Amino acid sequence: MVRLAAVRKSVTAPQAAQLFVDNVFRHHGLPEAFVSDRDPRFVSHF
C-alpha cells in the first residue's frame, strides 16, 4: 500500500513529520514497540 501526499517543492522536517503523522499513523495507528537496528533483538539474528 502506498500513501502519497501533495507537497510543495520544499518541505521542512517538521512539516514532513506532520504529513507522516497525518497520512500514515491516522490510517495504521502508532506501533506498539520500536526496535532499533542496534537493539540486541535485531543484531542477534545476524
PDB file of N, CA and C in Angstrom:
ATOM      1  N   MET A   1       0.844  -1.162   0.000  1.00  0.00           N
ATOM      2  CA  MET A   1       0.000   0.000   0.000  1.00  0.00           C
ATOM      3  C   MET A   1       0.897   1.235   0.000  1.00  0.00           C
ATOM      4  N   VAL A   2       0.522   2.201  -0.784  1.00  0.00           N
ATOM      5  CA  VAL A   2       1.292   3.433  -0.898  1.00  0.00           C
ATOM      6  C   VAL A   2       0.424   4.596  -0.454  1.00  0.00           C
ATOM      7  N   ARG A   3       1.005   5.466   0.349  1.00  0.00           N
ATOM      8  CA  ARG A   3       0.321   6.697   0.762  1.00  0.00           C
ATOM      9  C   ARG A   3       1.118   7.862   0.196  1.00  0.00           C
ATOM     10  N   LEU A   4       0.511   8.647  -0.658  1.00  0.00           N
ATOM     11  CA  LEU A   4       1.160   9.811  -1.247  1.00  0.00           C
ATOM     12  C   LEU A   4       0.473  11.069  -0.746  1.00  0.00           C
ATOM     13  N   ALA A   5       1.275  12.112  -0.550  1.00  0.00           N
ATOM     14  CA  ALA A   5       0.735  13.397  -0.117  1.00  0.00           C
ATOM     15  C   ALA A   5       1.316  14.488  -1.008  1.00  0.00           C
ATOM     16  N   ALA A   6       0.476  15.387  -1.437  1.00  0.00           N
ATOM     17  CA  ALA A   6       0.935  16.506  -2.251  1.00  0.00           C
ATOM     18  C   ALA A   6       1.659  17.504  -1.356  1.00  0.00           C
ATOM     19  N   VAL A   7       2.863  17.885  -1.765  1.00  0.00           N
ATOM     20  CA  VAL A   7       3.654  18.851  -1.001  1.00  0.00           C
ATOM     21  C   VAL A   7       4.257  19.866  -1.956  1.00  0.00           C
ATOM     22  N   ARG A   8       4.702  20.965  -1.376  1.00  0.00           N
ATOM     23  CA  ARG A   8       5.407  21.972  -2.164  1.00  0.00           C
ATOM     24  C   ARG A   8       6.776  21.425  -2.544  1.00  0.00           C
ATOM     25  N   LYS A   9       7.479  22.175  -3.368  1.00  0.00           N
ATOM     26  CA  LYS A   9       8.802  21.740  -3.807  1.00  0.00           C
ATOM     27  C   LYS A   9       9.745  21.578  -2.624  1.00  0.00           C
ATOM     28  N   SER A  10       9.645  22.463  -1.643  1.00  0.00           N
ATOM     29  CA  SER A  10      10.495  22.338  -0.457  1.00  0.00           C
ATOM     30  C   SER A  10       9.601  22.147   0.761  1.00  0.00           C
ATOM     31  N   VAL A  11       9.960  21.165   1.565  1.00  0.00           N
ATOM     32  CA  VAL A  11       9.209  20.872   2.776  1.00  0.00           C
ATOM     33  C   VAL A  11      10.217  20.722   3.912  1.00  0.00           C
ATOM     34  N   THR A  12       9.898  21.289   5.060  1.00  0.00           N
ATOM     35  CA  THR A  12      10.808  21.219   6.204  1.00  0.00           C
ATOM     36  C   THR A  12      10.620  19.889   6.931  1.00  0.00           C
ATOM     37  N   ALA A  13      11.562  19.565   7.790  1.00  0.00           N
ATOM     38  CA  ALA A  13      11.471  18.328   8.571  1.00  0.00           C
ATOM     39  C   ALA A  13      10.219  18.304   9.448  1.00  0.00           C
ATOM     40  N   PRO A  14       9.896  19.396  10.158  1.00  0.00           N
ATOM     41  CA  PRO A  14       8.654  19.364  10.946  1.00  0.00           C
ATOM     42  C   PRO A  14       7.404  19.173  10.079  1.00  0.00           C
ATOM     43  N   GLN A  15       7.386  19.770   8.904  1.00  0.00           N
ATOM     44  CA  GLN A  15       6.247  19.592   8.003  1.00  0.00           C
ATOM     45  C   GLN A  15       6.164  18.147   7.514  1.00  0.00           C
ATOM     46  N   ALA A  16       7.313  17.550   7.203  1.00  0.00           N
ATOM     47  CA  ALA A  16       7.336  16.157   6.760  1.00  0.00           C
ATOM     48  C   ALA A  16       6.858  15.234   7.871  1.00  0.00           C
ATOM     49  N   ALA A  17       7.271  15.514   9.102  1.00  0.00           N
ATOM     50  CA  ALA A  17       6.830  14.702  10.238  1.00  0.00           C
ATOM     51  C   ALA A  17       5.321  14.815  10.423  1.00  0.00           C
ATOM     52  N   GLN A  18       4.789  16.011  10.288  1.00  0.00           N
ATOM     53  CA  GLN A  18       3.346  16.200  10.432  1.00  0.00           C
ATOM     54  C   GLN A  18       2.584  15.478   9.325  1.00  0.00           C
ATOM     55  N   LEU A  19       3.100  15.539   8.104  1.00  0.00           N
ATOM     56  CA  LEU A  19       2.476  14.808   7.000  1.00  0.00           C
ATOM     57  C   LEU A  19       2.477  13.309   7.269  1.00  0.00           C
ATOM     58  N   PHE A  20       3.589  12.804   7.810  1.00  0.00           N
ATOM     59  CA  PHE A  20       3.686  11.380   8.125  1.00  0.00           C
ATOM     60  C   PHE A  20       2.639  10.989   9.160  1.00  0.00           C
ATOM     61  N   VAL A  21       2.523  11.789  10.206  1.00  0.00           N
ATOM     62  CA  VAL A  21       1.530  11.508  11.249  1.00  0.00           C
ATOM     63  C   VAL A  21       0.127  11.564  10.665  1.00  0.00           C
ATOM     64  N   ASP A  22      -0.142  12.594   9.891  1.00  0.00           N
ATOM     65  CA  ASP A  22      -1.484  12.777   9.334  1.00  0.00           C
ATOM     66  C   ASP A  22      -1.863  11.698   8.326  1.00  0.00           C
ATOM     67  N   ASN A  23      -0.894  11.211   7.563  1.00  0.00           N
ATOM     68  CA  ASN A  23      -1.220  10.301   6.468  1.00  0.00           C
ATOM     69  C   ASN A  23      -0.906   8.835   6.733  1.00  0.00           C
ATOM     70  N   VAL A  24      -0.092   8.526   7.703  1.00  0.00           N
ATOM     71  CA  VAL A  24       0.246   7.128   7.980  1.00  0.00           C
ATOM     72  C   VAL A  24      -0.338   6.685   9.309  1.00  0.00           C
ATOM     73  N   PHE A  25       0.004   7.378  10.377  1.00  0.00           N
ATOM     74  CA  PHE A  25      -0.479   6.974  11.696  1.00  0.00           C
ATOM     75  C   PHE A  25      -1.999   7.034  11.785  1.00  0.00           C
ATOM     76  N   ARG A  26      -2.588   7.976  11.083  1.00  0.00           N
ATOM     77  CA  ARG A  26      -4.051   8.097  11.122  1.00  0.00           C
ATOM     78  C   ARG A  26      -4.716   6.832  10.583  1.00  0.00           C
ATOM     79  N   HIS A  27      -4.104   6.219   9.575  1.00  0.00           N
ATOM     80  CA  HIS A  27      -4.689   5.032   8.961  1.00  0.00           C
ATOM     81  C   HIS A  27      -4.248   3.727   9.621  1.00  0.00           C
ATOM     82  N   HIS A  28      -3.025   3.704  10.149  1.00  0.00           N
ATOM     83  CA  HIS A  28      -2.464   2.454  10.659  1.00  0.00           C
ATOM     84  C   HIS A  28      -2.232   2.451  12.161  1.00  0.00           C
ATOM     85  N   GLY A  29      -2.305   3.604  12.798  1.00  0.00           N
ATOM     86  CA  GLY A  29      -2.076   3.693  14.235  1.00  0.00           C
ATOM     87  C   GLY A  29      -0.587   3.716  14.574  1.00  0.00           C
ATOM     88  N   LEU A  30      -0.304   3.997  15.833  1.00  0.00           N
ATOM     89  CA  LEU A  30       1.080   4.012  16.292  1.00  0.00           C
ATOM     90  C   LEU A  30       1.555   2.590  16.537  1.00  0.00           C
ATOM     91  N   PRO A  31       2.839   2.314  16.277  1.00  0.00           N
ATOM     92  CA  PRO A  31       3.353   0.976  16.562  1.00  0.00           C
ATOM     93  C   PRO A  31       3.383   0.718  18.065  1.00  0.00           C
ATOM     94  N   GLU A  32       3.224  -0.539  18.442  1.00  0.00           N
ATOM     95  CA  GLU A  32       3.257  -0.897  19.862  1.00  0.00           C
ATOM     96  C   GLU A  32       4.667  -0.860  20.415  1.00  0.00           C
ATOM     97  N   ALA A  33       5.667  -1.098  19.562  1.00  0.00           N
ATOM     98  CA  ALA A  33       7.066  -1.097  20.016  1.00  0.00           C
ATOM     99  C   ALA A  33       7.957  -0.636  18.870  1.00  0.00           C
ATOM    100  N   PHE A  34       9.044  -0.009  19.225  1.00  0.00           N
ATOM    101  CA  PHE A  34      10.057   0.391  18.265  1.00  0.00           C
ATOM    102  C   PHE A  34      11.287  -0.474  18.505  1.00  0.00           C
ATOM    103  N   VAL A  35      11.885  -1.005  17.453  1.00  0.00           N
ATOM    104  CA  VAL A  35      13.098  -1.801  17.579  1.00  0.00           C
ATOM    105  C   VAL A  35      14.188  -1.099  16.785  1.00  0.00           C
ATOM    106  N   SER A  36      15.246  -0.715  17.461  1.00  0.00           N
ATOM    107  CA  SER A  36      16.376  -0.057  16.823  1.00  0.00           C
ATOM    108  C   SER A  36      17.203  -1.091  16.077  1.00  0.00           C
ATOM    109  N   ASP A  37      17.888  -0.661  15.011  1.00  0.00           N
ATOM    110  CA  ASP A  37      18.763  -1.599  14.316  1.00  0.00           C
ATOM    111  C   ASP A  37      20.006  -1.925  15.138  1.00  0.00           C
ATOM    112  N   ARG A  38      20.197  -1.251  16.256  1.00  0.00           N
ATOM    113  CA  ARG A  38      21.291  -1.553  17.181  1.00  0.00           C
ATOM    114  C   ARG A  38      20.809  -2.386  18.362  1.00  0.00           C
ATOM    115  N   ASP A  39      19.538  -2.639  18.409  1.00  0.00           N
ATOM    116  CA  ASP A  39      18.950  -3.409  19.501  1.00  0.00           C
ATOM    117  C   ASP A  39      19.412  -4.865  19.418  1.00  0.00           C
ATOM    118  N   PRO A  40      19.693  -5.517  20.539  1.00  0.00           N
ATOM    119  CA  PRO A  40      20.121  -6.924  20.514  1.00  0.00           C
ATOM    120  C   PRO A  40      19.126  -7.845  19.804  1.00  0.00           C
ATOM    121  N   ARG A  41      17.846  -7.517  19.847  1.00  0.00           N
ATOM    122  CA  ARG A  41      16.852  -8.348  19.158  1.00  0.00           C
ATOM    123  C   ARG A  41      17.065  -8.327  17.651  1.00  0.00           C
ATOM    124  N   PHE A  42      17.588  -7.224  17.128  1.00  0.00           N
ATOM    125  CA  PHE A  42      17.845  -7.126  15.698  1.00  0.00           C
ATOM    126  C   PHE A  42      19.205  -7.721  15.360  1.00  0.00           C
ATOM    127  N   VAL A  43      20.228  -7.340  16.094  1.00  0.00           N
ATOM    128  CA  VAL A  43      21.600  -7.749  15.808  1.00  0.00           C
ATOM    129  C   VAL A  43      21.785  -9.252  16.008  1.00  0.00           C
ATOM    130  N   SER A  44      21.060  -9.868  16.937  1.00  0.00           N
ATOM    131  CA  SER A  44      21.256 -11.283  17.239  1.00  0.00           C
ATOM    132  C   SER A  44      20.869 -12.188  16.074  1.00  0.00           C
ATOM    133  N   HIS A  45      20.075 -11.701  15.143  1.00  0.00           N
ATOM    134  CA  HIS A  45      19.675 -12.521  14.002  1.00  0.00           C
ATOM    135  C   HIS A  45      20.782 -12.622  12.957  1.00  0.00           C
ATOM    136  N   PHE A  46      21.825 -11.825  13.075  1.00  0.00           N
ATOM    137  CA  PHE A  46      22.897 -11.846  12.082  1.00  0.00           C
ATOM    138  C   PHE A  46      24.096 -12.497  12.654  1.00  0.00           C
TER     139      PHE A  46
END
